[in-house]
Amino acid sequence: MCRIREQCGVSLPRFYQLLFCVSLLLGCWLAMMGVHELGHVSGGLVTGGEITRVVLHPLAISRTDLAANPYPAVVVWAGPLGGVLFPLGLYLAANGLRWSLASLVQFFAGFCLIANGA
């Protein structure tokens, strides 16, 4: 434990705080991409589209490919709408149930609102 303190000059509690913040942001980014693409997939399925591939990779921009897309505008708008409404609903449920981690869900919902352009 002392080696970390000596090598980087950062106290242990500060190191763990930084590690938590970086992990939280990366986790929120991945979860936001998943929720956003879930919106596109839902929009594609509701409009009768044929989904061929969903790309979710931490080092790439996520995307949903459709072979047949009868209503492209609906599928396009379903991504941001799903990416906003699902996290907000999750936060309202967590807050209503007085869940102890509701503040983390609130952070995730806010992150998704910003990332989806709300």
C-alpha atoms as a PDB file:
ATOM      1  CA  MET A   1       0.000   0.000   0.000  1.00  0.00           C
ATOM      2  CA  CYS A   2       2.812   2.383   0.787  1.00  0.00           C
ATOM      3  CA  ARG A   3       4.368   1.777  -2.621  1.00  0.00           C
ATOM      4  CA  ILE A   4       1.425   3.434  -4.362  1.00  0.00           C
ATOM      5  CA  ARG A   5       1.757   6.456  -2.116  1.00  0.00           C
ATOM      6  CA  GLU A   6       5.509   6.678  -2.714  1.00  0.00           C
ATOM      7  CA  GLN A   7       5.411   6.101  -6.475  1.00  0.00           C
ATOM      8  CA  CYS A   8       2.671   8.479  -7.552  1.00  0.00           C
ATOM      9  CA  GLY A   9       2.568  10.901  -4.652  1.00  0.00           C
ATOM     10  CA  VAL A  10      -1.189  10.461  -4.198  1.00  0.00           C
ATOM     11  CA  SER A  11      -2.687   9.535  -0.871  1.00  0.00           C
ATOM     12  CA  LEU A  12      -4.677   6.305  -0.846  1.00  0.00           C
ATOM     13  CA  PRO A  13      -8.115   7.763  -0.167  1.00  0.00           C
ATOM     14  CA  ARG A  14      -7.669  10.303  -3.006  1.00  0.00           C
ATOM     15  CA  PHE A  15      -6.518   7.508  -5.335  1.00  0.00           C
ATOM     16  CA  TYR A  16      -9.634   5.470  -4.572  1.00  0.00           C
ATOM     17  CA  GLN A  17     -11.861   8.517  -5.067  1.00  0.00           C
ATOM     18  CA  LEU A  18     -10.307   9.126  -8.482  1.00  0.00           C
ATOM     19  CA  LEU A  19     -10.624   5.446  -9.381  1.00  0.00           C
ATOM     20  CA  PHE A  20     -14.294   5.489  -8.351  1.00  0.00           C
ATOM     21  CA  CYS A  21     -15.033   8.625 -10.401  1.00  0.00           C
ATOM     22  CA  VAL A  22     -13.337   7.274 -13.528  1.00  0.00           C
ATOM     23  CA  SER A  23     -15.073   3.907 -13.136  1.00  0.00           C
ATOM     24  CA  LEU A  24     -18.439   5.583 -12.609  1.00  0.00           C
ATOM     25  CA  LEU A  25     -18.084   7.733 -15.722  1.00  0.00           C
ATOM     26  CA  LEU A  26     -16.969   4.810 -17.899  1.00  0.00           C
ATOM     27  CA  GLY A  27     -19.761   2.620 -16.547  1.00  0.00           C
ATOM     28  CA  CYS A  28     -22.336   5.348 -17.177  1.00  0.00           C
ATOM     29  CA  TRP A  29     -21.047   5.799 -20.724  1.00  0.00           C
ATOM     30  CA  LEU A  30     -21.381   2.090 -21.512  1.00  0.00           C
ATOM     31  CA  ALA A  31     -24.815   1.832 -19.881  1.00  0.00           C
ATOM     32  CA  MET A  32     -25.985   4.986 -21.683  1.00  0.00           C
ATOM     33  CA  MET A  33     -24.958   3.516 -25.035  1.00  0.00           C
ATOM     34  CA  GLY A  34     -26.830   0.316 -24.205  1.00  0.00           C
ATOM     35  CA  VAL A  35     -30.014   2.150 -23.207  1.00  0.00           C
ATOM     36  CA  HIS A  36     -29.786   4.401 -26.270  1.00  0.00           C
ATOM     37  CA  GLU A  37     -29.421   1.431 -28.621  1.00  0.00           C
ATOM     38  CA  LEU A  38     -32.258  -0.343 -26.813  1.00  0.00           C
ATOM     39  CA  GLY A  39     -34.404   2.608 -27.878  1.00  0.00           C
ATOM     40  CA  HIS A  40     -33.359   2.180 -31.511  1.00  0.00           C
ATOM     41  CA  VAL A  41     -34.010  -1.574 -31.343  1.00  0.00           C
ATOM     42  CA  SER A  42     -37.436  -1.000 -29.770  1.00  0.00           C
ATOM     43  CA  GLY A  43     -38.295   1.565 -32.422  1.00  0.00           C
ATOM     44  CA  GLY A  44     -37.187  -0.798 -35.157  1.00  0.00           C
ATOM     45  CA  LEU A  45     -39.209  -3.691 -33.791  1.00  0.00           C
ATOM     46  CA  VAL A  46     -42.359  -1.611 -33.220  1.00  0.00           C
ATOM     47  CA  THR A  47     -42.306  -0.266 -36.780  1.00  0.00           C
ATOM     48  CA  GLY A  48     -41.717  -3.688 -38.322  1.00  0.00           C
ATOM     49  CA  GLY A  49     -38.038  -3.243 -39.094  1.00  0.00           C
ATOM     50  CA  GLU A  50     -35.557  -6.080 -39.348  1.00  0.00           C
ATOM     51  CA  ILE A  51     -32.581  -5.616 -37.025  1.00  0.00           C
ATOM     52  CA  THR A  52     -29.389  -7.181 -38.341  1.00  0.00           C
ATOM     53  CA  ARG A  53     -26.755  -6.011 -35.871  1.00  0.00           C
ATOM     54  CA  VAL A  54     -26.248  -3.936 -32.735  1.00  0.00           C
ATOM     55  CA  VAL A  55     -22.711  -2.716 -32.055  1.00  0.00           C
ATOM     56  CA  LEU A  56     -21.878  -2.045 -28.394  1.00  0.00           C
ATOM     57  CA  HIS A  57     -18.150  -1.712 -27.866  1.00  0.00           C
ATOM     58  CA  PRO A  58     -16.380   0.457 -25.294  1.00  0.00           C
ATOM     59  CA  LEU A  59     -13.932   1.795 -27.880  1.00  0.00           C
ATOM     60  CA  ALA A  60     -16.457   2.473 -30.665  1.00  0.00           C
ATOM     61  CA  ILE A  61     -19.586   4.518 -31.162  1.00  0.00           C
ATOM     62  CA  SER A  62     -22.604   2.276 -30.738  1.00  0.00           C
ATOM     63  CA  ARG A  63     -25.021   1.722 -33.607  1.00  0.00           C
ATOM     64  CA  THR A  64     -27.995  -0.377 -34.670  1.00  0.00           C
ATOM     65  CA  ASP A  65     -28.136  -1.710 -38.220  1.00  0.00           C
ATOM     66  CA  LEU A  66     -31.471  -2.544 -39.819  1.00  0.00           C
ATOM     67  CA  ALA A  67     -31.960  -4.525 -43.036  1.00  0.00           C
ATOM     68  CA  ALA A  68     -35.514  -3.271 -43.508  1.00  0.00           C
ATOM     69  CA  ASN A  69     -36.495   0.077 -42.020  1.00  0.00           C
ATOM     70  CA  PRO A  70     -40.026   1.153 -43.014  1.00  0.00           C
ATOM     71  CA  TYR A  71     -40.067   4.243 -40.744  1.00  0.00           C
ATOM     72  CA  PRO A  72     -36.489   5.544 -40.389  1.00  0.00           C
ATOM     73  CA  ALA A  73     -37.490   8.743 -38.580  1.00  0.00           C
ATOM     74  CA  VAL A  74     -39.232   6.771 -35.832  1.00  0.00           C
ATOM     75  CA  VAL A  75     -36.205   4.504 -35.383  1.00  0.00           C
ATOM     76  CA  VAL A  76     -33.837   7.478 -35.282  1.00  0.00           C
ATOM     77  CA  TRP A  77     -35.871   9.342 -32.650  1.00  0.00           C
ATOM     78  CA  ALA A  78     -36.534   6.212 -30.575  1.00  0.00           C
ATOM     79  CA  GLY A  79     -32.848   6.091 -29.537  1.00  0.00           C
ATOM     80  CA  PRO A  80     -32.681   9.426 -27.719  1.00  0.00           C
ATOM     81  CA  LEU A  81     -36.221   9.078 -26.371  1.00  0.00           C
ATOM     82  CA  GLY A  82     -35.503   5.632 -24.957  1.00  0.00           C
ATOM     83  CA  GLY A  83     -32.130   6.846 -23.743  1.00  0.00           C
ATOM     84  CA  VAL A  84     -33.877   9.535 -21.697  1.00  0.00           C
ATOM     85  CA  LEU A  85     -37.143   7.927 -20.623  1.00  0.00           C
ATOM     86  CA  PHE A  86     -35.778   4.600 -19.362  1.00  0.00           C
ATOM     87  CA  PRO A  87     -33.170   6.137 -16.987  1.00  0.00           C
ATOM     88  CA  LEU A  88     -35.719   8.690 -15.752  1.00  0.00           C
ATOM     89  CA  GLY A  89     -38.207   5.912 -15.041  1.00  0.00           C
ATOM     90  CA  LEU A  90     -35.504   3.935 -13.281  1.00  0.00           C
ATOM     91  CA  TYR A  91     -34.646   6.942 -11.130  1.00  0.00           C
ATOM     92  CA  LEU A  92     -38.282   7.612 -10.251  1.00  0.00           C
ATOM     93  CA  ALA A  93     -38.705   3.971  -9.222  1.00  0.00           C
ATOM     94  CA  ALA A  94     -35.487   3.982  -7.150  1.00  0.00           C
ATOM     95  CA  ASN A  95     -36.438   7.250  -5.483  1.00  0.00           C
ATOM     96  CA  GLY A  96     -39.996   6.094  -4.814  1.00  0.00           C
ATOM     97  CA  LEU A  97     -38.736   2.879  -3.226  1.00  0.00           C
ATOM     98  CA  ARG A  98     -36.239   4.883  -1.137  1.00  0.00           C
ATOM     99  CA  TRP A  99     -33.398   2.768  -2.481  1.00  0.00           C
ATOM    100  CA  SER A 100     -30.083   3.512  -0.781  1.00  0.00           C
ATOM    101  CA  LEU A 101     -28.295   3.879  -4.144  1.00  0.00           C
ATOM    102  CA  ALA A 102     -30.880   6.243  -5.632  1.00  0.00           C
ATOM    103  CA  SER A 103     -28.267   9.007  -5.831  1.00  0.00           C
ATOM    104  CA  LEU A 104     -26.147   6.897  -8.206  1.00  0.00           C
ATOM    105  CA  VAL A 105     -29.222   6.208 -10.336  1.00  0.00           C
ATOM    106  CA  GLN A 106     -29.934   9.951 -10.309  1.00  0.00           C
ATOM    107  CA  PHE A 107     -26.394  10.613 -11.553  1.00  0.00           C
ATOM    108  CA  PHE A 108     -26.859   8.021 -14.312  1.00  0.00           C
ATOM    109  CA  ALA A 109     -30.184   9.564 -15.340  1.00  0.00           C
ATOM    110  CA  GLY A 110     -28.611  13.021 -15.500  1.00  0.00           C
ATOM    111  CA  PHE A 111     -25.684  11.642 -17.485  1.00  0.00           C
ATOM    112  CA  CYS A 112     -28.113  10.066 -19.969  1.00  0.00           C
ATOM    113  CA  LEU A 113     -30.117  13.300 -20.260  1.00  0.00           C
ATOM    114  CA  ILE A 114     -26.963  15.240 -21.121  1.00  0.00           C
ATOM    115  CA  ALA A 115     -25.572  12.594 -23.475  1.00  0.00           C
ATOM    116  CA  ASN A 116     -28.873  12.245 -25.365  1.00  0.00           C
ATOM    117  CA  GLY A 117     -29.204  16.003 -25.773  1.00  0.00           C
ATOM    118  CA  ALA A 118     -32.187  16.665 -23.534  1.00  0.00           C
END
